[in-house]
Amino acid sequence: MTAAPPGFHASNEPRPASVYVHFPYCLTKCPYCDFVSYKTPREAIDHVGYADAVIAELRARASYAEAAWSAAGSRRRIESVFFGGGTPSLWEPKELGRVLAAVREHFTCAEGDALEVTVECNPTSLDERRARDLDAQGVNRLSVGTQSLRQEQLQYLGRLHDPAGAQEAVRGALASGIGRVSTDLIFGLPGQSPEDARSQAGELADAGLRHLSCYQLTIEPGTQFGELSRRGRLPLADDGLVAEGFLAIDEELTSRGFTHYEISNYAMPGEESRHNLAYWRGLEYVGVGCGAYGYVQTARVGAAADGGIGVRYRNAIDPKAYVAAAAGVRDDALGEGDGLSISSEPLDGETLLRERIMLGLRLANGVDLGACGRDLGVDPWTPERVRTIEQLSSKGRLARVGDTLRIPRPAWLWADDTAARLF
């Protein structure tokens, strides 16, 4: 894992930043999914028009961001591009490649493989040929949505593929020579034993994968599962078995040489997701596409009269509305009024510090609270926070070494609650 990023004003070196591209189309809407995605037949997906819209937005966002960064007193270098969704593997590779070329054209980017380019893929739209086509467009990392290797679990999750389809997609991705391949696994399903969770993680590792994201099933409001749960009609797993499943996966993968570097993520050395690490460390990300969020620093720390040093914006969430709005997006504004964003929120140092605590404590290495305070121009060591740190440390929920806070692995199951207490 790399060292903590430099502060806003502490280095002449460019600060790392990311670009996130959202693709909103799916062949089906999974009942647990709360992302912006729309069930769309393959033949009805807007490949070219949507790419044109994203490229228009990229041009405008880059114009604004570069000006804002210059005013803030430091440069940026894009070190990761992430195509998420939705199902970006449904996008025609040449259209996705046009978008990637626009990122390189309008931003200062890391060179060669130093620029991590990830595409999320579903097994129903990924095989070796598709992976090779993505590789030809400059993609160097795939994230495959396996979710489960058991048929009854895939049916419960509303997935279109079967276990054989998931295994074939993973094999095709690995055989393509694309470089780096990850997969997602969901555990904590009703009726699932800890041994089954362990076994599936082991099977995926045996396939040759060097990065796995293992997520506990969560029930989000506004989803099909959320509504069923509200009515008491959704079968759920026992909390104790979910915790045991988490520990079983940890034991299985770490015994194979994987590093459990974030609560839900495992990697062989050097295979960590750079995009997600940047997110967990609170770095900036330029979001483009239907429903995308973005966060850009807009003022030098300590120089903003209203205390705001950044803006988080969100784009239109309907694909047709997004495509129409992108044609008229302005490059001299960020947030509401720019012709595309449907909301924006100014962010001050205290707000950004709370977010860094929440996200940084998910990492095995924790968060350097002192560095965050210097970076954001705020004092992180308030008397109330120091008392809370001491209380949590006495209970084994938190560990402090110098200015760095981390959650001991046995206490990761309570990470969200621990972070919230430090706000």
Protein backbone atom coordinates (compact mmCIF):
# COMPACT_ATOMS: atom_id res chain seq x y z
CA MET A 1 0.00 0.00 0.00
CA THR A 2 1.26 3.48 -0.85
CA ALA A 3 1.97 6.24 1.62
CA ALA A 4 -0.70 8.73 2.61
CA PRO A 5 -1.28 11.42 -0.04
CA PRO A 6 0.27 14.88 0.35
CA GLY A 7 -1.72 17.79 1.72
CA PHE A 8 -3.51 20.39 -0.36
CA HIS A 9 -0.66 22.85 0.05
CA ALA A 10 2.26 20.75 1.29
CA SER A 11 3.91 19.66 -1.95
CA ASN A 12 4.79 20.88 -5.41
CA GLU A 13 4.05 17.41 -6.76
CA PRO A 14 0.65 16.91 -8.40
CA ARG A 15 -1.98 15.47 -6.10
CA PRO A 16 -3.61 12.24 -7.28
CA ALA A 17 -7.26 12.41 -8.34
CA SER A 18 -9.73 10.08 -10.06
CA VAL A 19 -12.42 10.05 -12.71
CA TYR A 20 -15.59 8.03 -12.22
CA VAL A 21 -17.78 7.28 -15.27
CA HIS A 22 -21.30 5.96 -14.64
CA PHE A 23 -23.08 3.72 -17.15
CA PRO A 24 -26.76 3.40 -16.18
CA TYR A 25 -28.01 0.43 -18.24
CA CYS A 26 -28.54 -3.15 -16.99
CA LEU A 27 -30.27 -6.19 -18.41
CA THR A 28 -32.17 -6.50 -15.14
CA LYS A 29 -32.47 -4.63 -11.86
CA CYS A 30 -31.10 -6.68 -8.98
CA PRO A 31 -33.43 -6.52 -5.96
CA TYR A 32 -30.66 -5.44 -3.56
CA CYS A 33 -29.21 -2.69 -5.81
CA ASP A 34 -29.67 0.98 -4.90
CA PHE A 35 -27.40 2.39 -7.61
CA VAL A 36 -28.74 4.42 -10.54
CA SER A 37 -29.45 1.70 -13.09
CA TYR A 38 -32.27 0.95 -15.50
CA LYS A 39 -33.42 -2.37 -16.91
CA THR A 40 -32.87 -2.07 -20.66
CA PRO A 41 -32.81 -4.66 -23.48
CA ARG A 42 -29.42 -4.98 -25.19
CA GLU A 43 -30.78 -3.63 -28.47
CA ALA A 44 -32.21 -0.50 -26.77
CA ILE A 45 -29.00 0.60 -25.04
CA ASP A 46 -27.77 4.01 -26.19
CA HIS A 47 -24.11 3.35 -26.97
CA VAL A 48 -23.09 6.30 -29.16
CA GLY A 49 -25.36 9.07 -27.88
CA TYR A 50 -24.52 8.30 -24.28
CA ALA A 51 -20.78 8.33 -25.03
CA ASP A 52 -21.18 11.69 -26.80
CA ALA A 53 -22.93 13.10 -23.71
CA VAL A 54 -20.25 11.84 -21.31
CA ILE A 55 -17.51 13.29 -23.52
CA ALA A 56 -19.27 16.68 -23.56
CA GLU A 57 -19.50 16.59 -19.77
CA LEU A 58 -15.87 15.54 -19.42
CA ARG A 59 -14.78 18.55 -21.44
CA ALA A 60 -16.79 20.92 -19.23
CA ARG A 61 -15.84 19.32 -15.91
CA ALA A 62 -12.16 19.32 -16.86
CA SER A 63 -12.31 23.00 -17.78
CA TYR A 64 -13.83 23.86 -14.42
CA ALA A 65 -11.70 21.49 -12.35
CA GLU A 66 -8.40 22.60 -13.85
CA ALA A 67 -9.28 26.25 -13.16
CA ALA A 68 -10.38 25.41 -9.59
CA TRP A 69 -7.22 23.45 -8.89
CA SER A 70 -5.08 26.28 -10.20
CA ALA A 71 -6.90 28.69 -7.88
CA ALA A 72 -6.43 26.25 -5.00
CA GLY A 73 -2.70 26.37 -5.54
CA SER A 74 -1.89 22.80 -6.57
CA ARG A 75 -1.99 20.58 -9.63
CA ARG A 76 -3.76 17.24 -10.10
CA ARG A 77 -2.88 14.06 -11.93
CA ILE A 78 -5.56 11.49 -12.73
CA GLU A 79 -4.30 8.13 -11.51
CA SER A 80 -7.45 6.04 -11.84
CA VAL A 81 -10.50 5.88 -14.07
CA PHE A 82 -13.41 3.69 -12.99
CA PHE A 83 -16.34 2.73 -15.22
CA GLY A 84 -19.17 1.72 -12.87
CA GLY A 85 -22.86 1.10 -13.18
CA GLY A 86 -25.13 -0.31 -14.10
CA THR A 87 -23.26 -2.74 -16.31
CA PRO A 88 -20.45 -0.99 -18.20
CA SER A 89 -19.46 -4.24 -19.91
CA LEU A 90 -22.67 -3.79 -21.97
CA TRP A 91 -21.19 -0.61 -23.48
CA GLU A 92 -19.62 -1.17 -26.89
CA PRO A 93 -15.85 -1.19 -26.21
CA LYS A 94 -15.13 1.36 -28.94
CA GLU A 95 -17.57 3.83 -27.38
CA LEU A 96 -16.12 3.25 -23.93
CA GLY A 97 -12.70 3.74 -25.52
CA ARG A 98 -13.77 7.12 -26.91
CA VAL A 99 -14.67 8.21 -23.40
CA LEU A 100 -11.34 7.00 -22.04
CA ALA A 101 -9.51 8.88 -24.80
CA ALA A 102 -11.41 12.04 -23.78
CA VAL A 103 -10.26 11.61 -20.17
CA ARG A 104 -6.66 11.46 -21.39
CA GLU A 105 -7.21 14.46 -23.67
CA HIS A 106 -8.76 16.80 -21.13
CA PHE A 107 -6.91 15.87 -17.93
CA THR A 108 -3.28 15.37 -16.97
CA CYS A 109 -3.10 11.59 -16.52
CA ALA A 110 -0.53 9.12 -15.26
CA GLU A 111 1.28 7.33 -18.06
CA GLY A 112 0.86 3.71 -19.17
CA ASP A 113 -0.21 1.21 -16.54
CA ALA A 114 0.33 3.83 -13.85
CA LEU A 115 -3.17 4.93 -14.87
CA GLU A 116 -5.51 2.26 -13.47
CA VAL A 117 -8.55 1.84 -15.74
CA THR A 118 -11.24 -0.43 -14.29
CA VAL A 119 -14.48 -1.61 -15.89
CA GLU A 120 -17.23 -3.33 -13.89
CA CYS A 121 -18.53 -6.41 -15.71
CA ASN A 122 -21.37 -8.88 -15.33
CA PRO A 123 -20.89 -12.50 -16.43
CA THR A 124 -23.77 -12.13 -18.91
CA SER A 125 -21.78 -9.56 -20.89
CA LEU A 126 -18.20 -10.71 -20.44
CA ASP A 127 -16.14 -13.39 -22.14
CA GLU A 128 -12.53 -13.61 -23.28
CA ARG A 129 -13.23 -11.78 -26.55
CA ARG A 130 -15.02 -8.92 -24.78
CA ALA A 131 -12.14 -8.66 -22.32
CA ARG A 132 -9.64 -8.50 -25.19
CA ASP A 133 -11.70 -5.77 -26.86
CA LEU A 134 -11.65 -3.75 -23.64
CA ASP A 135 -7.92 -4.33 -23.31
CA ALA A 136 -7.46 -2.92 -26.82
CA GLN A 137 -9.19 0.30 -25.69
CA GLY A 138 -6.76 0.84 -22.81
CA VAL A 139 -8.63 -0.92 -19.98
CA ASN A 140 -6.19 -2.70 -17.64
CA ARG A 141 -8.43 -3.93 -14.83
CA LEU A 142 -11.78 -5.77 -14.75
CA SER A 143 -14.13 -6.20 -11.80
CA VAL A 144 -16.42 -9.18 -12.37
CA GLY A 145 -19.76 -9.39 -10.54
CA THR A 146 -19.71 -13.07 -9.59
CA GLN A 147 -21.68 -12.47 -6.33
CA SER A 148 -22.12 -16.21 -5.68
CA LEU A 149 -21.14 -19.63 -6.98
CA ARG A 150 -24.35 -21.29 -5.78
CA GLN A 151 -27.44 -21.45 -7.99
CA GLU A 152 -30.02 -20.96 -5.23
CA GLN A 153 -28.14 -17.92 -3.93
CA LEU A 154 -27.92 -16.38 -7.40
CA GLN A 155 -31.67 -16.86 -7.79
CA TYR A 156 -32.30 -15.17 -4.43
CA LEU A 157 -30.11 -12.25 -5.54
CA GLY A 158 -31.97 -11.93 -8.84
CA ARG A 159 -28.87 -12.54 -10.94
CA LEU A 160 -29.18 -13.61 -14.59
CA HIS A 161 -26.09 -15.83 -14.69
CA ASP A 162 -25.53 -19.27 -13.20
CA PRO A 163 -22.39 -20.56 -11.41
CA ALA A 164 -20.93 -21.94 -14.64
CA GLY A 165 -21.43 -18.58 -16.33
CA ALA A 166 -19.64 -16.78 -13.52
CA GLN A 167 -16.72 -19.19 -13.62
CA GLU A 168 -16.47 -18.91 -17.41
CA ALA A 169 -16.45 -15.10 -17.25
CA VAL A 170 -13.66 -15.14 -14.68
CA ARG A 171 -11.65 -17.62 -16.74
CA GLY A 172 -12.14 -15.53 -19.88
CA ALA A 173 -11.04 -12.35 -18.13
CA LEU A 174 -7.91 -14.03 -16.77
CA ALA A 175 -7.09 -15.62 -20.13
CA SER A 176 -7.44 -12.33 -22.00
CA GLY A 177 -4.17 -10.99 -20.67
CA ILE A 178 -5.81 -7.77 -19.53
CA GLY A 179 -3.51 -7.64 -16.53
CA ARG A 180 -5.61 -7.32 -13.40
CA VAL A 181 -8.91 -9.02 -12.56
CA SER A 182 -11.04 -8.75 -9.43
CA THR A 183 -14.39 -10.22 -8.50
CA ASP A 184 -17.23 -9.47 -6.08
CA LEU A 185 -18.65 -12.03 -3.66
CA ILE A 186 -21.73 -11.46 -1.50
CA PHE A 187 -22.01 -13.31 1.82
CA GLY A 188 -24.47 -13.20 4.68
CA LEU A 189 -27.27 -14.77 2.64
CA PRO A 190 -30.19 -16.58 4.28
CA GLY A 191 -29.33 -20.19 4.99
CA GLN A 192 -25.65 -19.71 4.17
CA SER A 193 -23.17 -21.33 6.52
CA PRO A 194 -19.80 -19.76 7.35
CA GLU A 195 -18.16 -22.76 5.70
CA ASP A 196 -19.98 -22.07 2.46
CA ALA A 197 -18.79 -18.45 2.50
CA ARG A 198 -15.25 -19.69 3.13
CA SER A 199 -15.50 -22.30 0.39
CA GLN A 200 -16.67 -19.84 -2.27
CA ALA A 201 -13.88 -17.39 -1.45
CA GLY A 202 -11.40 -20.25 -1.74
CA GLU A 203 -12.83 -21.39 -5.08
CA LEU A 204 -12.45 -17.90 -6.52
CA ALA A 205 -8.90 -17.62 -5.23
CA ASP A 206 -8.14 -21.01 -6.80
CA ALA A 207 -9.21 -19.60 -10.16
CA GLY A 208 -6.17 -17.34 -10.10
CA LEU A 209 -7.77 -14.09 -8.93
CA ARG A 210 -5.51 -11.75 -6.99
CA HIS A 211 -8.17 -9.37 -5.70
CA LEU A 212 -11.55 -10.17 -4.13
CA SER A 213 -14.23 -7.85 -2.79
CA CYS A 214 -16.39 -9.71 -0.26
CA TYR A 215 -19.48 -7.78 0.76
CA GLN A 216 -22.07 -8.56 3.39
CA LEU A 217 -25.56 -8.37 1.92
CA THR A 218 -27.11 -5.12 3.07
CA ILE A 219 -30.76 -4.18 2.71
CA GLU A 220 -31.12 -0.63 1.40
CA PRO A 221 -34.32 1.45 1.46
CA GLY A 222 -35.81 2.08 -1.95
CA THR A 223 -34.83 -1.34 -3.29
CA GLN A 224 -37.04 -4.38 -3.87
CA PHE A 225 -35.37 -6.07 -0.91
CA GLY A 226 -35.88 -2.95 1.19
CA GLU A 227 -39.62 -2.99 0.53
CA LEU A 228 -39.92 -6.71 1.19
CA SER A 229 -37.98 -6.31 4.43
CA ARG A 230 -40.25 -3.44 5.51
CA ARG A 231 -43.22 -5.75 5.05
CA GLY A 232 -41.49 -8.57 6.93
CA ARG A 233 -41.50 -10.77 3.84
CA LEU A 234 -37.75 -11.07 3.15
CA PRO A 235 -35.81 -14.04 4.54
CA LEU A 236 -32.59 -12.80 6.16
CA ALA A 237 -29.48 -14.40 7.62
CA ASP A 238 -28.80 -14.72 11.32
CA ASP A 239 -26.49 -11.92 12.51
CA GLY A 240 -24.25 -14.38 14.30
CA LEU A 241 -23.76 -16.48 11.18
CA VAL A 242 -23.03 -13.35 9.13
CA ALA A 243 -20.25 -12.41 11.55
CA GLU A 244 -18.88 -15.95 11.43
CA GLY A 245 -18.97 -15.82 7.63
CA PHE A 246 -16.94 -12.60 7.68
CA LEU A 247 -14.33 -14.21 9.89
CA ALA A 248 -14.28 -17.43 7.86
CA ILE A 249 -13.58 -15.53 4.63
CA ASP A 250 -10.85 -13.55 6.38
CA GLU A 251 -9.21 -16.72 7.64
CA GLU A 252 -9.40 -18.46 4.26
CA LEU A 253 -7.99 -15.64 2.16
CA THR A 254 -5.30 -14.42 4.54
CA SER A 255 -4.04 -18.01 4.86
CA ARG A 256 -3.52 -17.93 1.09
CA GLY A 257 -1.40 -14.77 1.21
CA PHE A 258 -4.09 -12.16 0.60
CA THR A 259 -3.90 -8.93 2.59
CA HIS A 260 -7.20 -7.89 4.17
CA TYR A 261 -6.47 -4.24 3.40
CA GLU A 262 -10.01 -2.87 3.77
CA ILE A 263 -13.04 -4.25 5.57
CA SER A 264 -14.53 -5.77 2.40
CA ASN A 265 -11.43 -6.12 0.23
CA TYR A 266 -8.55 -8.57 -0.10
CA ALA A 267 -5.54 -8.36 -2.38
CA MET A 268 -2.22 -9.97 -3.09
CA PRO A 269 0.61 -7.46 -2.55
CA GLY A 270 0.44 -4.71 -5.18
CA GLU A 271 -3.05 -5.68 -6.40
CA GLU A 272 -5.05 -3.26 -4.24
CA SER A 273 -7.68 -1.19 -6.02
CA ARG A 274 -6.06 2.22 -6.49
CA HIS A 275 -9.39 3.83 -7.29
CA ASN A 276 -11.03 2.66 -4.09
CA LEU A 277 -7.95 3.53 -2.02
CA ALA A 278 -8.17 7.09 -3.33
CA TYR A 279 -11.85 7.21 -2.35
CA TRP A 280 -11.21 5.84 1.15
CA ARG A 281 -8.43 8.39 1.62
CA GLY A 282 -10.70 11.30 0.73
CA LEU A 283 -9.09 12.32 -2.54
CA GLU A 284 -11.00 14.19 -5.23
CA TYR A 285 -12.99 12.44 -7.96
CA VAL A 286 -14.55 13.96 -11.06
CA GLY A 287 -17.84 12.12 -11.60
CA VAL A 288 -19.39 12.04 -15.06
CA GLY A 289 -22.41 10.26 -16.46
CA CYS A 290 -26.04 9.80 -15.47
CA GLY A 291 -26.49 9.99 -11.69
CA ALA A 292 -22.76 10.38 -10.99
CA TYR A 293 -21.44 12.21 -7.95
CA GLY A 294 -18.24 14.25 -8.01
CA TYR A 295 -16.11 16.08 -5.47
CA VAL A 296 -13.70 18.86 -6.47
CA GLN A 297 -11.67 21.23 -4.29
CA THR A 298 -12.61 24.80 -5.18
CA ALA A 299 -10.52 27.01 -2.87
CA ARG A 300 -7.18 27.07 -1.12
CA VAL A 301 -7.42 25.86 2.48
CA GLY A 302 -8.03 28.85 4.75
CA ALA A 303 -8.77 31.20 1.84
CA ALA A 304 -12.52 30.66 1.40
CA ALA A 305 -14.57 33.39 3.09
CA ASP A 306 -17.44 31.02 3.82
CA GLY A 307 -15.18 28.23 5.01
CA GLY A 308 -16.00 26.02 2.02
CA ILE A 309 -13.04 24.43 0.28
CA GLY A 310 -14.84 21.99 -2.01
CA VAL A 311 -18.08 21.11 -3.77
CA ARG A 312 -19.88 17.80 -4.15
CA TYR A 313 -22.29 17.70 -7.09
CA ARG A 314 -24.70 15.15 -8.55
CA ASN A 315 -25.84 14.73 -12.14
CA ALA A 316 -29.30 14.18 -13.56
CA ILE A 317 -30.44 10.62 -12.80
CA ASP A 318 -32.63 9.93 -15.84
CA PRO A 319 -30.54 8.84 -18.87
CA LYS A 320 -32.57 10.81 -21.43
CA ALA A 321 -32.56 13.91 -19.25
CA TYR A 322 -28.82 13.50 -18.72
CA VAL A 323 -28.05 13.18 -22.44
CA ALA A 324 -30.17 16.24 -23.22
CA ALA A 325 -28.60 18.29 -20.43
CA ALA A 326 -25.03 17.34 -21.35
CA ALA A 327 -25.44 19.07 -24.69
CA GLY A 328 -25.78 22.40 -22.88
CA VAL A 329 -23.49 21.95 -19.89
CA ARG A 330 -21.49 25.07 -19.03
CA ASP A 331 -17.80 24.97 -18.24
CA ASP A 332 -17.78 28.03 -15.96
CA ALA A 333 -19.82 26.62 -13.07
CA LEU A 334 -19.96 23.58 -10.85
CA GLY A 335 -23.15 22.40 -9.23
CA GLU A 336 -26.66 23.74 -9.58
CA GLY A 337 -26.83 26.18 -12.47
CA ASP A 338 -24.22 24.48 -14.64
CA GLY A 339 -26.93 22.96 -16.84
CA LEU A 340 -26.35 19.37 -15.71
CA SER A 341 -26.05 19.01 -11.93
CA ILE A 342 -29.29 18.51 -10.05
CA SER A 343 -27.71 19.25 -6.67
CA SER A 344 -24.53 20.58 -5.13
CA GLU A 345 -23.18 20.88 -1.61
CA PRO A 346 -20.35 23.11 -0.37
CA LEU A 347 -17.92 21.19 1.83
CA ASP A 348 -15.95 22.74 4.66
CA GLY A 349 -12.98 21.31 6.51
CA GLU A 350 -14.98 19.82 9.37
CA THR A 351 -17.35 18.01 6.99
CA LEU A 352 -14.44 16.62 4.97
CA LEU A 353 -12.67 15.53 8.15
CA ARG A 354 -15.70 13.53 9.29
CA GLU A 355 -15.84 11.85 5.90
CA ARG A 356 -12.15 10.98 6.04
CA ILE A 357 -12.62 9.43 9.46
CA MET A 358 -15.61 7.39 8.28
CA LEU A 359 -13.85 6.13 5.15
CA GLY A 360 -10.28 5.96 6.41
CA LEU A 361 -11.15 3.75 9.37
CA ARG A 362 -12.27 1.08 6.89
CA LEU A 363 -8.61 0.61 5.95
CA ALA A 364 -6.33 -1.79 7.81
CA ASN A 365 -3.74 1.01 8.02
CA GLY A 366 -6.32 3.40 9.42
CA VAL A 367 -6.32 7.17 9.05
CA ASP A 368 -3.65 9.73 9.97
CA LEU A 369 -5.86 12.19 11.79
CA GLY A 370 -3.08 14.71 12.28
CA ALA A 371 -2.27 14.79 8.57
CA CYS A 372 -5.97 15.15 7.74
CA GLY A 373 -6.24 18.14 10.07
CA ARG A 374 -3.25 19.85 8.48
CA ASP A 375 -4.58 19.01 5.02
CA LEU A 376 -8.01 20.48 5.72
CA GLY A 377 -7.05 23.39 7.96
CA VAL A 378 -8.93 22.16 11.04
CA ASP A 379 -7.98 20.91 14.50
CA PRO A 380 -8.93 17.20 14.66
CA TRP A 381 -8.00 16.81 18.33
CA THR A 382 -11.01 18.40 20.00
CA PRO A 383 -11.41 17.53 23.68
CA GLU A 384 -14.60 15.59 22.93
CA ARG A 385 -12.95 13.54 20.18
CA VAL A 386 -9.86 12.82 22.30
CA ARG A 387 -12.08 11.55 25.14
CA THR A 388 -13.99 9.32 22.71
CA ILE A 389 -10.73 7.96 21.28
CA GLU A 390 -9.55 7.08 24.78
CA GLN A 391 -12.85 5.39 25.63
CA LEU A 392 -12.93 3.34 22.42
CA SER A 393 -9.28 2.39 22.81
CA SER A 394 -9.90 1.11 26.34
CA LYS A 395 -12.58 -1.21 24.93
CA GLY A 396 -10.40 -2.55 22.11
CA ARG A 397 -12.53 -0.81 19.48
CA LEU A 398 -9.78 1.57 18.37
CA ALA A 399 -5.99 1.78 18.41
CA ARG A 400 -3.91 4.96 18.32
CA VAL A 401 -0.25 5.18 17.37
CA GLY A 402 0.90 8.78 17.24
CA ASP A 403 -1.56 10.63 15.03
CA THR A 404 -2.85 7.48 13.31
CA LEU A 405 -6.11 5.80 14.28
CA ARG A 406 -7.07 2.32 13.15
CA ILE A 407 -9.65 -0.27 14.08
CA PRO A 408 -8.18 -3.60 15.24
CA ARG A 409 -9.33 -6.43 12.98
CA PRO A 410 -11.45 -8.18 15.68
CA ALA A 411 -13.45 -4.94 15.99
CA TRP A 412 -14.03 -4.38 12.25
CA LEU A 413 -17.57 -5.68 12.59
CA TRP A 414 -18.43 -2.48 14.49
CA ALA A 415 -16.50 -0.10 12.22
CA ASP A 416 -19.45 2.08 11.22
CA ASP A 417 -20.49 2.64 14.82
CA THR A 418 -16.89 3.36 15.86
CA ALA A 419 -16.45 5.96 13.13
CA ALA A 420 -19.79 7.62 13.92
CA ARG A 421 -18.74 8.10 17.57
CA LEU A 422 -15.76 10.17 16.41
CA PHE A 423 -17.86 12.68 14.46
